[in-house]
Amino acid sequence: MTQQHSAKVSPIKQWSPIWVVPVAAVLIGLWMLYNHYQQQGALLTLYTSDAEGIVAGKTQIKSRSVDVGQVVSVELSDDLKQVIVKARMKPAITALLNADSQFWVVKPQVGRGGITGLNTLLSGVYIELQPGDSEEPQLQHQLLDTPPVAPADAPGIRVQLSTAESGGLAVGDPVLYRGYEVGTVEQSEFDLSARRTLYRLYIREPFDVLVSENVRFWLSSGFSVDLSAEGLQVDVGSATTLLSGGVSFDVMQGWQPGRAIKDGTEFQLFPNKQSIQDGLYSEFVEYLLFFDESVRGLKAGAPVEYRGVRVGTVTRVPFFFAVDKPFEISQQQGIPILIRIEVGRLYENLTLAQLRVELDKAVARGMHGTLKTGNLLTGALYIDLDINQDPNIDTSQQTQRLVLSQSAGYAMLPTARSGLSNIEQKVLMALDKINNLPVEQLLVQSERTMQSTEAMMQNANKMIAQLEAFIGSAQMQQLPAQLQQSLQDLQRMLAGLSPGAPAYDRLNGNLQTLDQVLRELQPVLQTLNQQSNALIFDASTATDPEPKRAKP
């Protein structure tokens, strides 16, 4: 039988050189793996509603046209409501990923500022990174639909605007100060809880010092026309606002600039500059007026004037307060109109209590309201206040109107018919008088008068015919010839008395002889004048008187 023996194993007492190669390979692999993760940088996560143009492994992330990362995956979220884009950033870029960083997709777009993103037509879209100014690191961000107007760290100030009106502004619209562009509308959103539109404005440096605590913001439309009771108002903005509109701000006339504001201060956005002026009058006294004539053309916001000076505003047209039968009241008492007399429109340092006292005195003196036409083109009306004893005031309904006003909690102001209504009433009265005239009797008398006139005209025609017959008779035809013959005879007679004719010479000689006889009779007449009996007795010749000598 063969005898078996077990082998004796002895351990090797030294390392074989062959093990150096695998150990070195493992160490190199670990180093390369560590170095790879060290150079990869942070993993960024972006959320968006649409990943149009974004491709994993191709779409780059850039900042100032420098590649800072690359998209590694694009996938839907678990609830399938949004897209999750993951990108690997470079290690040196990690400091730029903070809470204020913003990301958006750059692609060809046509907007108000022109055409942008044309360089992506060949290279494809990319994601732009705008670093923030925060110190809090953040690796999850929302991918913006549109690029931001200004960087978060841009010098300047940002303010919030709130308005109940929808529309009017869009992102990118200019912010103007007295027509000069100083900023841009940066963000627009609608607050569902407050039911208001919110805007964020960026006003660049150095114009941010113009925004103080008492500035007012209003919409600047490119071209607006206001044709109201106060007349025609045309507002033409700058060339920029003519195309896109914008928002303007300024301190109201007569105000001093206020204190500086903090970033993010909220202001109210007014629809226009006129509404700002109207909103300044926060203290007022309200009155209720009843008009028993048409109020067509009278609208809320129409002016209330006192002898041409605006003192208030029409608030409600019509104002149907809590009554059982408003239509019946309108028929019996008139259309109720609510107005307010504003303290700020009168003289300075006037308190609300003083205004009430002054108005009560004016009403006691006969102050009343009338409707007047403010614009003939549109028919817009306004309320004019005056103080006089107007006979057109209907005092029979004042008591009932006063009770209605007091039940509504307002003071009542008397009213009178306007001038046009008075003219209309007088025309109606004149028409009534004309309607009551005895027209039939007037027609009978007119007919008789016409018959008498016709008979008189017939008599006149007969008389004219007789006169024509008389003029056409033979005697009247011969009368001109006879008259001409008489004139010729008279002419011949006068020709015989002309100078050089015998009759003229004889008459001239007789007149000379008569003149000589008169001259010879002149001494005789003088003697008879002195002595009337000279023809019977001789006339004594009187000596001429001698002057006496004066006594010494």
Protein backbone atom coordinates (compact mmCIF):
# COMPACT_ATOMS: atom_id res chain seq x y z
CA MET A 1 0.00 0.00 0.00
CA THR A 2 1.37 3.28 -1.06
CA GLN A 3 2.03 5.82 1.74
CA GLN A 4 0.74 9.45 1.18
CA HIS A 5 2.47 12.54 2.51
CA SER A 6 0.93 16.13 2.87
CA ALA A 7 2.69 19.11 1.27
CA LYS A 8 4.20 21.67 3.48
CA VAL A 9 3.32 25.29 2.49
CA SER A 10 5.65 28.10 3.42
CA PRO A 11 4.47 31.83 3.22
CA ILE A 12 6.37 34.19 0.96
CA LYS A 13 8.31 36.59 3.00
CA GLN A 14 8.61 39.50 0.39
CA TRP A 15 6.28 41.53 -1.97
CA SER A 16 6.28 40.80 -5.64
CA PRO A 17 7.01 43.84 -7.87
CA ILE A 18 3.98 43.04 -10.03
CA TRP A 19 1.59 44.47 -7.40
CA VAL A 20 2.92 47.97 -7.89
CA VAL A 21 1.00 48.40 -11.20
CA PRO A 22 -2.56 47.74 -9.97
CA VAL A 23 -2.03 49.75 -6.80
CA ALA A 24 -0.79 52.71 -8.83
CA ALA A 25 -3.73 52.38 -11.23
CA VAL A 26 -6.21 52.45 -8.35
CA LEU A 27 -4.58 55.50 -6.81
CA ILE A 28 -4.51 57.34 -10.12
CA GLY A 29 -8.16 56.49 -10.70
CA LEU A 30 -9.14 57.80 -7.27
CA TRP A 31 -7.19 60.98 -7.85
CA MET A 32 -8.77 61.50 -11.26
CA LEU A 33 -12.23 60.88 -9.82
CA TYR A 34 -11.61 63.37 -7.04
CA ASN A 35 -10.18 65.91 -9.45
CA HIS A 36 -13.17 65.42 -11.77
CA TYR A 37 -15.71 66.20 -9.05
CA GLN A 38 -13.59 69.06 -7.81
CA GLN A 39 -13.62 70.69 -11.27
CA GLN A 40 -17.31 70.07 -11.99
CA GLY A 41 -18.62 72.88 -9.80
CA ALA A 42 -22.12 73.16 -8.34
CA LEU A 43 -25.22 71.52 -9.81
CA LEU A 44 -27.75 74.22 -10.61
CA THR A 45 -31.53 73.53 -10.79
CA LEU A 46 -33.81 75.77 -12.85
CA TYR A 47 -37.63 75.64 -13.03
CA THR A 48 -39.60 76.75 -16.05
CA SER A 49 -42.98 76.19 -17.67
CA ASP A 50 -41.53 75.57 -21.14
CA ALA A 51 -38.11 74.24 -22.20
CA GLU A 52 -38.29 75.37 -25.82
CA GLY A 53 -34.82 75.37 -27.41
CA ILE A 54 -33.04 73.92 -24.33
CA VAL A 55 -31.10 70.73 -25.14
CA ALA A 56 -29.24 68.60 -22.57
CA GLY A 57 -25.49 68.46 -23.19
CA LYS A 58 -25.63 71.33 -25.70
CA THR A 59 -27.28 74.43 -24.24
CA GLN A 60 -24.71 76.64 -22.54
CA ILE A 61 -25.11 78.98 -19.59
CA LYS A 62 -23.35 82.30 -20.13
CA SER A 63 -22.62 85.43 -18.18
CA ARG A 64 -21.39 88.46 -20.12
CA SER A 65 -20.91 86.18 -23.19
CA VAL A 66 -18.60 83.82 -21.23
CA ASP A 67 -19.46 80.12 -20.80
CA VAL A 68 -20.00 79.41 -17.11
CA GLY A 69 -21.92 76.12 -17.28
CA GLN A 70 -23.84 73.60 -19.37
CA VAL A 71 -27.25 71.98 -19.20
CA VAL A 72 -26.92 68.29 -18.27
CA SER A 73 -30.57 67.22 -18.07
CA VAL A 74 -34.05 68.40 -19.00
CA GLU A 75 -37.00 66.54 -17.50
CA LEU A 76 -40.53 66.99 -16.23
CA SER A 77 -41.34 67.36 -12.55
CA ASP A 78 -43.15 64.64 -10.63
CA ASP A 79 -46.48 66.48 -10.86
CA LEU A 80 -45.93 67.09 -14.62
CA LYS A 81 -46.69 70.80 -14.21
CA GLN A 82 -43.27 72.27 -14.91
CA VAL A 83 -39.87 71.49 -16.41
CA ILE A 84 -36.75 70.93 -14.31
CA VAL A 85 -33.50 71.95 -15.99
CA LYS A 86 -30.24 70.86 -14.31
CA ALA A 87 -26.92 72.40 -15.27
CA ARG A 88 -23.34 71.81 -14.16
CA MET A 89 -21.56 75.06 -13.38
CA LYS A 90 -17.84 75.74 -13.35
CA PRO A 91 -16.16 75.81 -9.93
CA ALA A 92 -15.23 79.51 -10.10
CA ILE A 93 -18.85 80.49 -10.75
CA THR A 94 -20.26 79.15 -7.49
CA ALA A 95 -19.89 82.55 -5.82
CA LEU A 96 -22.27 84.07 -8.40
CA LEU A 97 -25.11 81.71 -7.50
CA ASN A 98 -26.96 83.56 -4.74
CA ALA A 99 -30.54 84.51 -3.89
CA ASP A 100 -30.55 87.57 -6.19
CA SER A 101 -29.18 85.78 -9.27
CA GLN A 102 -31.48 85.74 -12.29
CA PHE A 103 -31.65 83.36 -15.27
CA TRP A 104 -33.49 83.67 -18.58
CA VAL A 105 -33.37 82.14 -22.04
CA VAL A 106 -31.81 84.24 -24.80
CA LYS A 107 -33.51 83.70 -28.16
CA PRO A 108 -34.53 85.86 -31.14
CA GLN A 109 -37.22 88.32 -30.05
CA VAL A 110 -38.90 91.39 -31.53
CA GLY A 111 -39.92 93.90 -28.85
CA ARG A 112 -40.29 97.62 -28.19
CA GLY A 113 -36.53 97.97 -27.85
CA GLY A 114 -35.91 96.38 -31.26
CA ILE A 115 -34.75 92.92 -32.39
CA THR A 116 -32.57 90.99 -29.92
CA GLY A 117 -30.92 87.56 -29.83
CA LEU A 118 -30.05 87.33 -33.53
CA ASN A 119 -26.76 85.60 -32.69
CA THR A 120 -28.70 82.54 -31.52
CA LEU A 121 -30.06 81.81 -34.99
CA LEU A 122 -26.94 79.76 -35.82
CA SER A 123 -25.55 78.78 -32.41
CA GLY A 124 -28.88 78.01 -30.73
CA VAL A 125 -30.44 79.46 -27.60
CA TYR A 126 -28.54 79.80 -24.36
CA ILE A 127 -29.29 80.69 -20.75
CA GLU A 128 -28.04 84.03 -19.50
CA LEU A 129 -26.89 84.41 -15.89
CA GLN A 130 -27.14 87.77 -14.19
CA PRO A 131 -25.33 87.64 -10.83
CA GLY A 132 -27.03 89.05 -7.77
CA ASP A 133 -25.79 91.12 -4.87
CA SER A 134 -26.95 88.83 -2.07
CA GLU A 135 -24.59 86.91 0.25
CA GLU A 136 -26.97 83.97 0.66
CA PRO A 137 -26.01 81.06 -1.68
CA GLN A 138 -28.85 79.44 -3.62
CA LEU A 139 -28.75 76.70 -6.29
CA GLN A 140 -32.47 76.63 -7.22
CA HIS A 141 -33.97 79.44 -9.31
CA GLN A 142 -36.95 80.20 -11.50
CA LEU A 143 -36.13 80.59 -15.18
CA LEU A 144 -37.56 83.98 -16.21
CA ASP A 145 -39.74 84.31 -19.31
CA THR A 146 -38.29 87.72 -20.23
CA PRO A 147 -34.92 89.28 -19.45
CA PRO A 148 -34.83 91.76 -16.54
CA VAL A 149 -34.73 95.43 -17.40
CA ALA A 150 -31.79 96.25 -15.14
CA PRO A 151 -29.37 94.21 -13.05
CA ALA A 152 -30.26 93.74 -9.43
CA ASP A 153 -27.10 95.60 -8.40
CA ALA A 154 -27.59 98.44 -10.87
CA PRO A 155 -27.25 101.87 -9.20
CA GLY A 156 -30.60 103.57 -8.68
CA ILE A 157 -33.84 102.96 -6.82
CA ARG A 158 -36.87 100.69 -7.27
CA VAL A 159 -40.42 101.66 -6.30
CA GLN A 160 -43.74 99.81 -6.30
CA LEU A 161 -46.90 101.20 -7.92
CA SER A 162 -50.40 100.03 -7.11
CA THR A 163 -53.59 100.73 -9.06
CA ALA A 164 -57.08 99.32 -9.37
CA GLU A 165 -57.09 99.96 -13.13
CA SER A 166 -56.02 97.12 -15.41
CA GLY A 167 -53.64 97.56 -18.32
CA GLY A 168 -51.91 100.75 -19.25
CA LEU A 169 -48.33 99.65 -18.62
CA ALA A 170 -46.08 96.84 -19.77
CA VAL A 171 -42.59 95.71 -18.92
CA GLY A 172 -40.10 97.93 -20.72
CA ASP A 173 -42.26 101.05 -20.81
CA PRO A 174 -40.37 104.27 -19.98
CA VAL A 175 -40.53 106.19 -16.72
CA LEU A 176 -40.57 109.93 -17.39
CA TYR A 177 -39.82 113.01 -15.34
CA ARG A 178 -41.15 116.13 -17.07
CA GLY A 179 -40.88 114.35 -20.41
CA TYR A 180 -37.33 113.04 -19.89
CA GLU A 181 -36.79 109.27 -19.63
CA VAL A 182 -35.19 108.39 -16.28
CA GLY A 183 -36.18 104.73 -15.78
CA THR A 184 -38.11 101.70 -16.95
CA VAL A 185 -41.04 99.55 -15.89
CA GLU A 186 -39.33 96.42 -14.60
CA GLN A 187 -42.16 94.11 -13.54
CA SER A 188 -45.94 93.84 -13.86
CA GLU A 189 -48.25 91.48 -11.98
CA PHE A 190 -51.81 91.22 -10.69
CA ASP A 191 -52.51 90.68 -7.00
CA LEU A 192 -55.55 88.38 -6.76
CA SER A 193 -56.09 88.92 -3.03
CA ALA A 194 -56.11 92.72 -3.27
CA ARG A 195 -57.54 92.76 -6.83
CA ARG A 196 -55.00 95.38 -7.82
CA THR A 197 -52.26 95.64 -10.45
CA LEU A 198 -48.73 96.01 -9.13
CA TYR A 199 -45.81 97.49 -11.05
CA ARG A 200 -42.15 97.70 -10.13
CA LEU A 201 -40.20 100.64 -11.55
CA TYR A 202 -36.45 101.05 -11.81
CA ILE A 203 -35.17 104.64 -11.77
CA ARG A 204 -31.50 104.85 -12.57
CA GLU A 205 -28.88 106.96 -10.89
CA PRO A 206 -28.55 110.01 -10.60
CA PHE A 207 -32.29 110.58 -11.22
CA ASP A 208 -33.24 108.53 -8.17
CA VAL A 209 -32.88 111.69 -6.02
CA LEU A 210 -35.96 113.09 -7.80
CA VAL A 211 -38.17 110.49 -6.13
CA SER A 212 -39.27 111.89 -2.78
CA GLU A 213 -42.08 110.97 -0.41
CA ASN A 214 -44.56 113.46 -1.91
CA VAL A 215 -44.17 112.69 -5.63
CA ARG A 216 -47.15 111.41 -7.61
CA PHE A 217 -47.14 108.87 -10.44
CA TRP A 218 -49.64 108.87 -13.31
CA LEU A 219 -50.08 107.16 -16.67
CA SER A 220 -48.71 109.03 -19.67
CA SER A 221 -50.57 108.12 -22.82
CA GLY A 222 -49.08 109.19 -26.11
CA PHE A 223 -52.05 111.33 -27.14
CA SER A 224 -55.18 112.10 -25.14
CA VAL A 225 -58.14 114.39 -25.79
CA ASP A 226 -60.57 115.39 -23.03
CA LEU A 227 -63.73 117.11 -24.24
CA SER A 228 -65.76 117.86 -21.11
CA ALA A 229 -67.72 120.66 -19.50
CA GLU A 230 -64.46 122.45 -18.73
CA GLY A 231 -63.50 122.63 -22.41
CA LEU A 232 -61.10 120.87 -24.75
CA GLN A 233 -57.84 119.57 -23.28
CA VAL A 234 -55.21 117.98 -25.52
CA ASP A 235 -52.20 116.24 -23.98
CA VAL A 236 -49.38 115.20 -26.32
CA GLY A 237 -46.57 113.15 -24.82
CA SER A 238 -43.07 112.49 -26.06
CA ALA A 239 -42.22 110.42 -29.14
CA THR A 240 -41.62 107.40 -26.93
CA THR A 241 -45.01 107.59 -25.21
CA LEU A 242 -46.75 108.17 -28.55
CA LEU A 243 -45.78 104.61 -29.51
CA SER A 244 -45.87 102.71 -26.25
CA GLY A 245 -47.10 104.94 -23.42
CA GLY A 246 -45.36 105.13 -20.07
CA VAL A 247 -45.56 106.48 -16.54
CA SER A 248 -44.63 109.97 -15.34
CA PHE A 249 -43.90 111.34 -11.90
CA ASP A 250 -43.40 114.79 -10.43
CA VAL A 251 -44.15 116.94 -7.42
CA MET A 252 -47.44 118.82 -7.75
CA GLN A 253 -47.30 122.53 -8.53
CA GLY A 254 -46.74 124.60 -5.41
CA TRP A 255 -45.33 121.70 -3.35
CA GLN A 256 -41.82 121.49 -2.00
CA PRO A 257 -39.77 118.29 -2.57
CA GLY A 258 -40.10 115.90 0.35
CA ARG A 259 -37.67 113.61 2.07
CA ALA A 260 -35.83 110.79 0.30
CA ILE A 261 -37.49 107.36 0.25
CA LYS A 262 -36.27 103.83 0.78
CA ASP A 263 -35.92 101.23 -1.91
CA GLY A 264 -39.23 99.41 -2.51
CA THR A 265 -41.53 102.23 -1.31
CA GLU A 266 -45.09 101.85 -2.62
CA PHE A 267 -47.02 104.65 -4.39
CA GLN A 268 -50.45 104.91 -5.95
CA LEU A 269 -50.65 105.03 -9.75
CA PHE A 270 -53.22 107.59 -10.99
CA PRO A 271 -54.92 107.28 -14.39
CA ASN A 272 -53.96 110.86 -15.38
CA LYS A 273 -52.56 114.06 -13.94
CA GLN A 274 -55.98 115.67 -13.56
CA SER A 275 -57.14 112.89 -11.26
CA ILE A 276 -54.19 113.67 -8.95
CA GLN A 277 -55.35 117.26 -8.64
CA ASP A 278 -58.91 116.13 -7.92
CA GLY A 279 -57.70 113.65 -5.31
CA LEU A 280 -56.03 116.38 -3.28
CA TYR A 281 -59.38 117.66 -2.02
CA SER A 282 -60.09 115.15 0.71
CA GLU A 283 -62.18 117.49 2.92
CA PHE A 284 -65.59 118.52 1.62
CA VAL A 285 -69.25 119.17 2.46
CA GLU A 286 -71.87 117.16 0.57
CA TYR A 287 -75.23 118.46 -0.64
CA LEU A 288 -78.20 116.79 -2.29
CA LEU A 289 -79.96 118.63 -5.12
CA PHE A 290 -83.21 117.77 -6.94
CA PHE A 291 -83.61 118.86 -10.58
CA ASP A 292 -87.03 118.66 -12.24
CA GLU A 293 -85.51 118.93 -15.71
CA SER A 294 -83.34 116.75 -17.92
CA VAL A 295 -79.85 116.02 -16.56
CA ARG A 296 -78.58 114.50 -19.78
CA GLY A 297 -74.95 115.60 -20.18
CA LEU A 298 -74.27 115.87 -16.43
CA LYS A 299 -71.73 113.25 -15.34
CA ALA A 300 -69.85 112.37 -12.18
CA GLY A 301 -66.73 114.54 -12.01
CA ALA A 302 -68.37 117.57 -13.60
CA PRO A 303 -67.42 120.87 -11.95
CA VAL A 304 -69.54 122.77 -9.45
CA GLU A 305 -68.91 126.50 -9.87
CA TYR A 306 -69.85 129.65 -8.02
CA ARG A 307 -70.09 132.54 -10.48
CA GLY A 308 -67.39 131.02 -12.68
CA VAL A 309 -65.05 129.79 -9.93
CA ARG A 310 -64.89 126.04 -9.32
CA VAL A 311 -65.71 125.16 -5.73
CA GLY A 312 -66.68 121.48 -5.91
CA THR A 313 -67.40 118.36 -7.92
CA VAL A 314 -70.45 116.33 -8.92
CA THR A 315 -70.22 112.97 -7.14
CA ARG A 316 -73.20 110.82 -8.22
CA VAL A 317 -75.61 111.20 -11.15
CA PRO A 318 -78.25 110.15 -10.26
CA PHE A 319 -77.99 109.47 -6.54
CA PHE A 320 -80.74 106.98 -5.67
CA PHE A 321 -80.32 106.50 -1.94
CA ALA A 322 -82.13 103.92 0.18
CA VAL A 323 -85.76 104.80 -0.61
CA ASP A 324 -88.72 102.59 -1.37
CA LYS A 325 -89.81 104.13 -4.68
CA PRO A 326 -86.91 105.96 -6.33
CA PHE A 327 -88.63 106.25 -9.70
CA GLU A 328 -91.73 107.80 -8.15
CA ILE A 329 -89.56 110.26 -6.21
CA SER A 330 -87.78 111.21 -9.42
CA GLN A 331 -91.12 111.95 -11.06
CA GLN A 332 -92.49 113.98 -8.16
CA GLN A 333 -89.43 115.65 -6.63
CA GLY A 334 -86.86 115.56 -9.45
CA ILE A 335 -83.63 113.73 -10.21
CA PRO A 336 -81.41 113.61 -7.08
CA ILE A 337 -77.81 114.72 -7.65
CA LEU A 338 -75.05 114.46 -5.01
CA ILE A 339 -72.32 117.12 -5.03
CA ARG A 340 -69.54 118.12 -2.71
CA ILE A 341 -68.09 121.55 -1.91
CA GLU A 342 -64.34 121.06 -1.41
CA VAL A 343 -62.37 123.01 1.17
CA GLY A 344 -59.11 123.00 -0.78
CA ARG A 345 -60.62 124.86 -3.73
CA LEU A 346 -61.45 127.92 -1.58
CA TYR A 347 -59.18 130.30 0.26
CA GLU A 348 -56.35 129.03 2.45
CA ASN A 349 -56.62 128.22 6.17
CA LEU A 350 -60.33 127.42 5.85
CA THR A 351 -61.46 124.61 8.12
CA LEU A 352 -64.29 122.21 7.42
CA ALA A 353 -66.35 123.64 10.29
CA GLN A 354 -65.95 127.18 8.98
CA LEU A 355 -66.99 126.02 5.51
CA ARG A 356 -70.20 124.50 6.90
CA VAL A 357 -71.07 127.76 8.66
CA GLU A 358 -70.40 129.84 5.55
CA LEU A 359 -72.48 127.52 3.37
CA ASP A 360 -75.40 127.59 5.80
CA LYS A 361 -75.35 131.41 5.67
CA ALA A 362 -75.24 131.34 1.89
CA VAL A 363 -78.21 128.94 1.69
CA ALA A 364 -80.15 131.18 4.07
CA ARG A 365 -79.42 134.14 1.78
CA GLY A 366 -80.81 132.28 -1.24
CA MET A 367 -77.97 130.24 -2.69
CA HIS A 368 -79.27 127.69 -5.20
CA GLY A 369 -77.98 125.52 -8.02
CA THR A 370 -78.82 125.54 -11.71
CA LEU A 371 -77.78 123.40 -14.66
CA LYS A 372 -75.72 125.15 -17.31
CA THR A 373 -74.12 124.02 -20.56
CA GLY A 374 -70.36 123.80 -20.34
CA ASN A 375 -69.66 122.57 -23.87
CA LEU A 376 -71.89 123.18 -26.86
CA LEU A 377 -70.25 120.40 -28.92
CA THR A 378 -70.81 117.56 -26.45
CA GLY A 379 -73.73 119.00 -24.49
CA ALA A 380 -71.83 118.50 -21.22
CA LEU A 381 -73.46 120.18 -18.23
CA TYR A 382 -72.17 121.57 -14.94
CA ILE A 383 -73.82 122.95 -11.81
CA ASP A 384 -73.63 126.69 -11.22
CA LEU A 385 -74.24 128.14 -7.75
CA ASP A 386 -75.53 131.66 -7.25
CA ILE A 387 -77.11 133.82 -4.54
CA ASN A 388 -80.19 135.83 -5.51
CA GLN A 389 -83.95 135.81 -5.12
CA ASP A 390 -84.62 133.78 -8.25
CA PRO A 391 -88.33 133.64 -9.13
CA ASN A 392 -87.76 130.29 -10.85
CA ILE A 393 -87.18 128.47 -7.54
CA ASP A 394 -90.10 126.16 -6.79
CA THR A 395 -90.74 126.61 -3.06
CA SER A 396 -93.76 124.28 -3.02
CA GLN A 397 -91.57 121.14 -3.03
CA GLN A 398 -88.75 122.37 -0.79
CA THR A 399 -90.23 120.86 2.37
CA GLN A 400 -90.61 117.37 0.89
CA ARG A 401 -87.14 117.51 -0.63
CA LEU A 402 -85.69 118.60 2.71
CA VAL A 403 -87.28 115.60 4.43
CA LEU A 404 -85.86 113.23 1.80
CA SER A 405 -82.39 114.77 2.11
CA GLN A 406 -82.40 114.50 5.90
CA SER A 407 -83.54 110.86 5.69
CA ALA A 408 -80.55 110.17 3.42
CA GLY A 409 -78.19 112.00 5.79
CA TYR A 410 -77.34 114.94 3.51
CA ALA A 411 -78.03 118.65 3.50
CA MET A 412 -80.38 119.90 0.80
CA LEU A 413 -79.55 122.73 -1.60
CA PRO A 414 -82.40 124.49 -3.48
CA THR A 415 -82.42 124.39 -7.26
CA ALA A 416 -83.82 126.57 -10.02
CA ARG A 417 -84.56 126.00 -13.67
CA SER A 418 -81.81 126.86 -16.09
CA GLY A 419 -82.08 129.59 -18.71
CA LEU A 420 -82.81 127.14 -21.50
CA SER A 421 -85.63 125.61 -19.48
CA ASN A 422 -87.08 129.08 -18.86
CA ILE A 423 -86.95 129.84 -22.57
CA GLU A 424 -88.63 126.53 -23.31
CA GLN A 425 -91.31 127.25 -20.71
CA LYS A 426 -91.94 130.73 -22.15
CA VAL A 427 -92.18 129.28 -25.65
CA LEU A 428 -94.74 126.77 -24.44
CA MET A 429 -96.72 129.54 -22.72
CA ALA A 430 -96.63 131.59 -25.91
CA LEU A 431 -97.83 128.59 -27.89
CA ASP A 432 -100.67 128.11 -25.40
CA LYS A 433 -101.69 131.75 -25.81
CA ILE A 434 -101.61 131.38 -29.56
CA ASN A 435 -103.69 128.24 -29.26
CA ASN A 436 -106.30 130.14 -27.19
CA LEU A 437 -106.64 132.98 -29.66
CA PRO A 438 -110.08 133.33 -31.50
CA VAL A 439 -108.63 132.14 -34.76
CA GLU A 440 -112.04 131.58 -36.45
CA GLN A 441 -113.22 135.13 -35.76
CA LEU A 442 -109.90 136.45 -37.00
CA LEU A 443 -110.29 134.44 -40.16
CA VAL A 444 -113.86 135.74 -40.75
CA GLN A 445 -112.75 139.32 -40.17
CA SER A 446 -109.74 138.75 -42.40
CA GLU A 447 -112.03 137.42 -45.12
CA ARG A 448 -114.28 140.50 -44.84
CA THR A 449 -111.27 142.75 -44.92
CA MET A 450 -110.03 140.97 -48.02
CA GLN A 451 -113.42 141.47 -49.71
CA SER A 452 -113.40 145.20 -48.86
CA THR A 453 -109.87 145.47 -50.11
CA GLU A 454 -110.84 143.72 -53.33
CA ALA A 455 -113.79 146.15 -53.88
CA MET A 456 -111.50 149.11 -53.21
CA MET A 457 -108.99 147.76 -55.70
CA GLN A 458 -111.75 147.44 -58.33
CA ASN A 459 -112.76 151.10 -57.76
CA ALA A 460 -109.16 152.12 -58.01
CA ASN A 461 -108.86 150.25 -61.30
CA LYS A 462 -111.93 152.08 -62.63
CA MET A 463 -110.48 155.44 -61.59
CA ILE A 464 -107.19 154.64 -63.26
CA ALA A 465 -109.04 153.67 -66.45
CA GLN A 466 -110.93 156.97 -66.44
CA LEU A 467 -107.72 158.88 -65.87
CA GLU A 468 -106.09 157.07 -68.79
CA ALA A 469 -109.10 157.91 -71.00
CA PHE A 470 -108.89 161.59 -69.99
CA ILE A 471 -105.22 161.73 -70.75
CA GLY A 472 -105.77 160.05 -74.09
CA SER A 473 -108.54 162.52 -75.19
CA ALA A 474 -108.06 164.97 -78.15
CA GLN A 475 -108.14 168.05 -75.89
CA MET A 476 -105.28 166.66 -73.74
CA GLN A 477 -103.37 165.78 -76.90
CA GLN A 478 -103.75 169.40 -78.25
CA LEU A 479 -102.78 170.99 -74.94
CA PRO A 480 -99.00 170.64 -75.50
CA ALA A 481 -99.23 172.34 -78.93
CA GLN A 482 -101.23 175.26 -77.56
CA LEU A 483 -98.88 175.67 -74.68
CA GLN A 484 -95.94 175.71 -77.07
CA GLN A 485 -97.64 178.42 -79.20
CA SER A 486 -98.19 180.61 -76.13
CA LEU A 487 -94.56 180.30 -75.19
CA GLN A 488 -93.51 181.36 -78.67
CA ASP A 489 -95.74 184.47 -78.49
CA LEU A 490 -94.28 185.39 -75.11
CA GLN A 491 -90.80 184.97 -76.52
CA ARG A 492 -91.57 187.31 -79.43
CA MET A 493 -92.98 189.91 -77.03
CA LEU A 494 -89.91 189.82 -74.88
CA ALA A 495 -87.70 190.06 -77.97
CA GLY A 496 -89.35 193.50 -78.72
CA LEU A 497 -88.26 194.82 -75.34
CA SER A 498 -84.61 193.82 -75.72
CA PRO A 499 -81.81 196.51 -76.12
CA GLY A 500 -81.68 197.97 -79.66
CA ALA A 501 -85.38 197.52 -80.33
CA PRO A 502 -87.51 200.68 -81.07
CA ALA A 503 -89.80 200.08 -78.13
CA TYR A 504 -86.80 199.75 -75.86
CA ASP A 505 -85.35 203.09 -77.16
CA ARG A 506 -88.65 204.93 -76.69
CA LEU A 507 -89.03 203.60 -73.20
CA ASN A 508 -85.47 204.59 -72.36
CA GLY A 509 -86.03 208.19 -73.67
CA ASN A 510 -89.23 208.54 -71.66
CA LEU A 511 -87.47 207.46 -68.52
CA GLN A 512 -84.68 210.05 -69.06
CA THR A 513 -87.23 212.82 -69.61
CA LEU A 514 -89.03 211.77 -66.44
CA ASP A 515 -85.75 211.90 -64.55
CA GLN A 516 -85.04 215.46 -65.76
CA VAL A 517 -88.52 216.63 -64.77
CA LEU A 518 -88.06 215.19 -61.28
CA ARG A 519 -84.75 217.04 -60.90
CA GLU A 520 -86.36 220.36 -61.88
CA LEU A 521 -89.21 219.83 -59.43
CA GLN A 522 -86.83 219.14 -56.52
CA PRO A 523 -86.26 222.93 -55.57
CA VAL A 524 -89.96 223.57 -55.74
CA LEU A 525 -90.66 220.69 -53.46
CA GLN A 526 -88.00 221.90 -51.00
CA THR A 527 -89.62 225.42 -50.95
CA LEU A 528 -93.06 223.93 -50.34
CA ASN A 529 -91.62 221.81 -47.65
CA GLN A 530 -90.21 224.87 -45.88
CA GLN A 531 -93.18 227.24 -46.63
CA SER A 532 -96.40 225.57 -47.62
CA ASN A 533 -98.03 228.83 -48.88
CA ALA A 534 -95.23 229.69 -51.22
CA LEU A 535 -97.49 229.03 -54.24
CA ILE A 536 -99.81 231.89 -53.05
CA PHE A 537 -97.40 234.30 -51.34
CA ASP A 538 -93.86 235.08 -52.30
CA ALA A 539 -91.44 233.12 -50.32
CA SER A 540 -89.09 235.32 -48.22
CA THR A 541 -85.52 234.62 -48.65
CA ALA A 542 -84.05 233.73 -45.27
CA THR A 543 -80.59 234.86 -44.45
CA ASP A 544 -78.10 232.36 -43.45
CA PRO A 545 -77.54 232.14 -39.69
CA GLU A 546 -74.36 233.70 -38.27
CA PRO A 547 -72.50 232.12 -35.43
CA LYS A 548 -72.34 234.21 -32.19
CA ARG A 549 -69.19 235.27 -30.55
CA ALA A 550 -68.33 233.72 -27.30
CA LYS A 551 -68.20 235.96 -24.21
CA PRO A 552 -64.76 236.57 -22.78
